[in-house]
Amino acid sequence: MADRMTPEQRSRCMAAIKGKGTKPEMIVRRYLFSRGLRYRVNNRKLPGSPDIVLKKYKTVVFIDGCFWHGHEGCRYFRLPKSNVHFWRHKVAMNFARDYANNVDLELAGWRVIRIWECEIKTKAKREETLTNLYNQITGSQNIGYQHPDENDATPLAAEPSTRYGES
């Protein structure tokens, strides 16, 4: 099927698609801010210019559009019927760039979290996704774990019976 728009109309339409401050991004940012987390947005000094940077937690968050980043099995990811070769290449290159950015950030000591657009598109999935995101960032999922106290009756390692140099 041929494109219904002229090349100029299609170009104008595609140029209007935002890369920053998208609706899914704003939903995540508002939620994290309401939970007391403070962050920076689109830090260009980090690989991939992450959507959200939480320096305190050494964590970055990317909110990926299902179409642009090739979310397999998602109903929002479908290659256009026209110019298939271009779109397949475009999505593959985005996927490869995402992977390289993840590797670079992890090697630099950052924790990388990626959220798909479809995970926060509907209200039903949004609350669960955002709660899981908050727990991942703050480490709240380890509620049952307690750090051993110094006053704990069971020692972590057996004390040596002699000092260094004594027999």
C-alpha atoms as a PDB file:
ATOM      1  CA  MET A   1       0.000   0.000   0.000  1.00  0.00           C
ATOM      2  CA  ALA A   2       1.346   3.411  -0.930  1.00  0.00           C
ATOM      3  CA  ASP A   3       1.886   6.149   1.597  1.00  0.00           C
ATOM      4  CA  ARG A   4      -1.079   8.541   1.809  1.00  0.00           C
ATOM      5  CA  MET A   5       1.116  11.546   2.581  1.00  0.00           C
ATOM      6  CA  THR A   6       3.457  13.412   0.318  1.00  0.00           C
ATOM      7  CA  PRO A   7       7.156  13.160   1.212  1.00  0.00           C
ATOM      8  CA  GLU A   8       7.038  16.722   2.616  1.00  0.00           C
ATOM      9  CA  GLN A   9       4.021  15.921   4.816  1.00  0.00           C
ATOM     10  CA  ARG A  10       5.638  12.685   6.030  1.00  0.00           C
ATOM     11  CA  SER A  11       8.882  14.526   6.793  1.00  0.00           C
ATOM     12  CA  ARG A  12       7.034  17.191   8.787  1.00  0.00           C
ATOM     13  CA  CYS A  13       5.080  14.529  10.642  1.00  0.00           C
ATOM     14  CA  MET A  14       8.193  12.504  11.539  1.00  0.00           C
ATOM     15  CA  ALA A  15      10.102  15.643  12.573  1.00  0.00           C
ATOM     16  CA  ALA A  16       7.371  16.441  15.088  1.00  0.00           C
ATOM     17  CA  ILE A  17       8.050  13.240  17.067  1.00  0.00           C
ATOM     18  CA  LYS A  18       9.763  14.226  20.287  1.00  0.00           C
ATOM     19  CA  GLY A  19      12.788  12.508  21.767  1.00  0.00           C
ATOM     20  CA  LYS A  20      12.669  14.213  25.169  1.00  0.00           C
ATOM     21  CA  GLY A  21       9.828  15.019  27.517  1.00  0.00           C
ATOM     22  CA  THR A  22       7.487  12.410  26.075  1.00  0.00           C
ATOM     23  CA  LYS A  23       4.281  11.449  27.865  1.00  0.00           C
ATOM     24  CA  PRO A  24       5.666   8.108  29.179  1.00  0.00           C
ATOM     25  CA  GLU A  25       8.772   9.946  30.424  1.00  0.00           C
ATOM     26  CA  MET A  26       6.684  12.544  32.213  1.00  0.00           C
ATOM     27  CA  ILE A  27       4.567   9.857  33.904  1.00  0.00           C
ATOM     28  CA  VAL A  28       7.680   8.159  35.291  1.00  0.00           C
ATOM     29  CA  ARG A  29       9.313  11.439  36.319  1.00  0.00           C
ATOM     30  CA  ARG A  30       6.210  12.677  38.152  1.00  0.00           C
ATOM     31  CA  TYR A  31       5.883   9.367  39.991  1.00  0.00           C
ATOM     32  CA  LEU A  32       9.526   9.283  41.107  1.00  0.00           C
ATOM     33  CA  PHE A  33       9.392  12.935  42.202  1.00  0.00           C
ATOM     34  CA  SER A  34       6.193  12.297  44.193  1.00  0.00           C
ATOM     35  CA  ARG A  35       7.985   9.436  45.996  1.00  0.00           C
ATOM     36  CA  GLY A  36      10.768  11.818  47.061  1.00  0.00           C
ATOM     37  CA  LEU A  37      13.438  10.850  44.543  1.00  0.00           C
ATOM     38  CA  ARG A  38      15.453  13.635  42.977  1.00  0.00           C
ATOM     39  CA  TYR A  39      17.111  13.177  39.622  1.00  0.00           C
ATOM     40  CA  ARG A  40      18.636  14.810  36.588  1.00  0.00           C
ATOM     41  CA  VAL A  41      17.168  14.541  33.110  1.00  0.00           C
ATOM     42  CA  ASN A  42      18.964  13.650  29.852  1.00  0.00           C
ATOM     43  CA  ASN A  43      22.526  13.859  31.156  1.00  0.00           C
ATOM     44  CA  ARG A  44      24.574  14.201  27.967  1.00  0.00           C
ATOM     45  CA  LYS A  45      27.807  13.287  29.772  1.00  0.00           C
ATOM     46  CA  LEU A  46      26.631   9.685  30.151  1.00  0.00           C
ATOM     47  CA  PRO A  47      26.416   7.191  27.264  1.00  0.00           C
ATOM     48  CA  GLY A  48      22.982   7.261  25.644  1.00  0.00           C
ATOM     49  CA  SER A  49      21.932  10.455  27.450  1.00  0.00           C
ATOM     50  CA  PRO A  50      19.661   8.585  29.933  1.00  0.00           C
ATOM     51  CA  ASP A  51      16.127   9.883  30.416  1.00  0.00           C
ATOM     52  CA  ILE A  52      16.522   9.882  34.216  1.00  0.00           C
ATOM     53  CA  VAL A  53      19.779   9.863  36.206  1.00  0.00           C
ATOM     54  CA  LEU A  54      19.644   9.137  39.942  1.00  0.00           C
ATOM     55  CA  LYS A  55      23.198   9.874  41.046  1.00  0.00           C
ATOM     56  CA  LYS A  56      22.513   9.016  44.705  1.00  0.00           C
ATOM     57  CA  TYR A  57      21.572   5.462  43.715  1.00  0.00           C
ATOM     58  CA  LYS A  58      24.078   5.254  40.812  1.00  0.00           C
ATOM     59  CA  THR A  59      21.114   4.322  38.605  1.00  0.00           C
ATOM     60  CA  VAL A  60      19.933   5.446  35.180  1.00  0.00           C
ATOM     61  CA  VAL A  61      16.485   4.894  33.702  1.00  0.00           C
ATOM     62  CA  PHE A  62      15.612   4.766  30.017  1.00  0.00           C
ATOM     63  CA  ILE A  63      11.973   4.935  28.922  1.00  0.00           C
ATOM     64  CA  ASP A  64      11.945   3.291  25.489  1.00  0.00           C
ATOM     65  CA  GLY A  65       9.240   3.616  22.871  1.00  0.00           C
ATOM     66  CA  CYS A  66       8.112   0.182  21.698  1.00  0.00           C
ATOM     67  CA  PHE A  67       8.225   1.122  18.014  1.00  0.00           C
ATOM     68  CA  TRP A  68      11.567   2.934  17.957  1.00  0.00           C
ATOM     69  CA  HIS A  69      13.442   0.390  20.073  1.00  0.00           C
ATOM     70  CA  GLY A  70      11.932  -2.801  18.612  1.00  0.00           C
ATOM     71  CA  HIS A  71       9.945  -4.290  21.504  1.00  0.00           C
ATOM     72  CA  GLU A  72       9.387  -7.808  20.172  1.00  0.00           C
ATOM     73  CA  GLY A  73       5.973  -9.304  20.855  1.00  0.00           C
ATOM     74  CA  CYS A  74       4.468  -5.921  21.701  1.00  0.00           C
ATOM     75  CA  ARG A  75       1.313  -4.786  19.933  1.00  0.00           C
ATOM     76  CA  TYR A  76       2.792  -1.294  19.529  1.00  0.00           C
ATOM     77  CA  PHE A  77       5.782  -2.568  17.541  1.00  0.00           C
ATOM     78  CA  ARG A  78       4.979  -3.209  13.917  1.00  0.00           C
ATOM     79  CA  LEU A  79       7.233  -2.298  11.020  1.00  0.00           C
ATOM     80  CA  PRO A  80       5.613  -0.061   8.395  1.00  0.00           C
ATOM     81  CA  LYS A  81       4.639  -1.758   5.150  1.00  0.00           C
ATOM     82  CA  SER A  82       6.509   0.763   3.032  1.00  0.00           C
ATOM     83  CA  ASN A  83      10.288   1.115   3.046  1.00  0.00           C
ATOM     84  CA  VAL A  84      10.667  -2.037   5.157  1.00  0.00           C
ATOM     85  CA  HIS A  85      14.418  -2.317   4.615  1.00  0.00           C
ATOM     86  CA  PHE A  86      15.003   1.199   5.985  1.00  0.00           C
ATOM     87  CA  TRP A  87      12.831   0.624   9.073  1.00  0.00           C
ATOM     88  CA  ARG A  88      14.287  -2.795   9.836  1.00  0.00           C
ATOM     89  CA  HIS A  89      17.793  -1.307   9.672  1.00  0.00           C
ATOM     90  CA  LYS A  90      16.759   1.739  11.747  1.00  0.00           C
ATOM     91  CA  VAL A  91      15.276  -0.372  14.553  1.00  0.00           C
ATOM     92  CA  ALA A  92      18.230  -2.801  14.495  1.00  0.00           C
ATOM     93  CA  MET A  93      20.683   0.091  14.837  1.00  0.00           C
ATOM     94  CA  ASN A  94      18.663   1.552  17.737  1.00  0.00           C
ATOM     95  CA  PHE A  95      18.706  -1.864  19.417  1.00  0.00           C
ATOM     96  CA  ALA A  96      22.489  -2.186  18.929  1.00  0.00           C
ATOM     97  CA  ARG A  97      23.069   1.341  20.254  1.00  0.00           C
ATOM     98  CA  ASP A  98      20.941   0.587  23.334  1.00  0.00           C
ATOM     99  CA  TYR A  99      22.993  -2.538  24.021  1.00  0.00           C
ATOM    100  CA  ALA A 100      26.297  -0.663  23.646  1.00  0.00           C
ATOM    101  CA  ASN A 101      25.078   2.104  25.965  1.00  0.00           C
ATOM    102  CA  ASN A 102      24.020  -0.477  28.560  1.00  0.00           C
ATOM    103  CA  VAL A 103      27.456  -2.097  28.458  1.00  0.00           C
ATOM    104  CA  ASP A 104      29.269   1.258  28.721  1.00  0.00           C
ATOM    105  CA  LEU A 105      27.120   2.405  31.650  1.00  0.00           C
ATOM    106  CA  GLU A 106      27.453  -0.899  33.519  1.00  0.00           C
ATOM    107  CA  LEU A 107      31.229  -0.873  33.047  1.00  0.00           C
ATOM    108  CA  ALA A 108      31.246   2.629  34.533  1.00  0.00           C
ATOM    109  CA  GLY A 109      29.412   1.290  37.597  1.00  0.00           C
ATOM    110  CA  TRP A 110      25.870   2.441  36.797  1.00  0.00           C
ATOM    111  CA  ARG A 111      22.780   0.292  37.221  1.00  0.00           C
ATOM    112  CA  VAL A 112      20.660   0.468  34.060  1.00  0.00           C
ATOM    113  CA  ILE A 113      16.874   0.115  34.127  1.00  0.00           C
ATOM    114  CA  ARG A 114      14.833   0.124  30.924  1.00  0.00           C
ATOM    115  CA  ILE A 115      11.072   0.616  30.866  1.00  0.00           C
ATOM    116  CA  TRP A 116       8.953  -0.025  27.792  1.00  0.00           C
ATOM    117  CA  GLU A 117       6.295   2.455  26.757  1.00  0.00           C
ATOM    118  CA  CYS A 118       3.623  -0.275  26.809  1.00  0.00           C
ATOM    119  CA  GLU A 119       4.354  -1.016  30.495  1.00  0.00           C
ATOM    120  CA  ILE A 120       3.065   2.397  31.539  1.00  0.00           C
ATOM    121  CA  LYS A 121       0.575   3.085  28.759  1.00  0.00           C
ATOM    122  CA  THR A 122      -2.432   1.539  30.535  1.00  0.00           C
ATOM    123  CA  LYS A 123      -3.402   2.343  34.104  1.00  0.00           C
ATOM    124  CA  ALA A 124      -3.687  -1.360  34.909  1.00  0.00           C
ATOM    125  CA  LYS A 125       0.035  -2.037  34.340  1.00  0.00           C
ATOM    126  CA  ARG A 126       1.306   1.429  35.233  1.00  0.00           C
ATOM    127  CA  GLU A 127       1.021   1.241  39.030  1.00  0.00           C
ATOM    128  CA  GLU A 128       2.717  -2.149  39.226  1.00  0.00           C
ATOM    129  CA  THR A 129       5.515  -1.075  36.866  1.00  0.00           C
ATOM    130  CA  LEU A 130       6.170   2.189  38.695  1.00  0.00           C
ATOM    131  CA  THR A 131       6.139   0.508  42.107  1.00  0.00           C
ATOM    132  CA  ASN A 132       8.614  -2.101  40.856  1.00  0.00           C
ATOM    133  CA  LEU A 133      10.774   0.676  39.409  1.00  0.00           C
ATOM    134  CA  TYR A 134      10.832   2.537  42.739  1.00  0.00           C
ATOM    135  CA  ASN A 135      11.707  -0.664  44.591  1.00  0.00           C
ATOM    136  CA  GLN A 136      14.489  -1.440  42.122  1.00  0.00           C
ATOM    137  CA  ILE A 137      15.977   2.020  42.503  1.00  0.00           C
ATOM    138  CA  THR A 138      15.826   2.230  46.281  1.00  0.00           C
ATOM    139  CA  GLY A 139      16.493  -1.441  46.996  1.00  0.00           C
ATOM    140  CA  SER A 140      13.222  -1.733  48.929  1.00  0.00           C
ATOM    141  CA  GLN A 141      12.589  -5.235  47.592  1.00  0.00           C
ATOM    142  CA  ASN A 142      15.101  -6.608  50.147  1.00  0.00           C
ATOM    143  CA  ILE A 143      12.833  -5.821  53.102  1.00  0.00           C
ATOM    144  CA  GLY A 144      13.390  -9.226  54.734  1.00  0.00           C
ATOM    145  CA  TYR A 145      17.192  -8.843  54.754  1.00  0.00           C
ATOM    146  CA  GLN A 146      18.758  -7.389  57.888  1.00  0.00           C
ATOM    147  CA  HIS A 147      22.375  -6.391  58.249  1.00  0.00           C
ATOM    148  CA  PRO A 148      24.053  -8.237  61.140  1.00  0.00           C
ATOM    149  CA  ASP A 149      24.637  -6.049  64.194  1.00  0.00           C
ATOM    150  CA  GLU A 150      27.943  -5.704  65.972  1.00  0.00           C
ATOM    151  CA  ASN A 151      26.128  -6.847  69.131  1.00  0.00           C
ATOM    152  CA  ASP A 152      24.872 -10.019  67.455  1.00  0.00           C
ATOM    153  CA  ALA A 153      25.576 -13.137  69.531  1.00  0.00           C
ATOM    154  CA  THR A 154      26.778 -15.180  66.563  1.00  0.00           C
ATOM    155  CA  PRO A 155      30.159 -14.040  65.221  1.00  0.00           C
ATOM    156  CA  LEU A 156      30.584 -13.708  61.474  1.00  0.00           C
ATOM    157  CA  ALA A 157      34.001 -15.386  61.557  1.00  0.00           C
ATOM    158  CA  ALA A 158      35.787 -17.371  64.210  1.00  0.00           C
ATOM    159  CA  GLU A 159      38.176 -15.229  66.251  1.00  0.00           C
ATOM    160  CA  PRO A 160      41.792 -16.403  66.060  1.00  0.00           C
ATOM    161  CA  SER A 161      42.916 -17.890  69.360  1.00  0.00           C
ATOM    162  CA  THR A 162      46.383 -16.361  69.149  1.00  0.00           C
ATOM    163  CA  ARG A 163      47.687 -12.998  68.103  1.00  0.00           C
ATOM    164  CA  TYR A 164      50.033 -12.489  65.225  1.00  0.00           C
ATOM    165  CA  GLY A 165      53.551 -13.539  66.176  1.00  0.00           C
ATOM    166  CA  GLU A 166      52.535 -15.616  69.217  1.00  0.00           C
ATOM    167  CA  SER A 167      52.661 -19.379  69.254  1.00  0.00           C
END
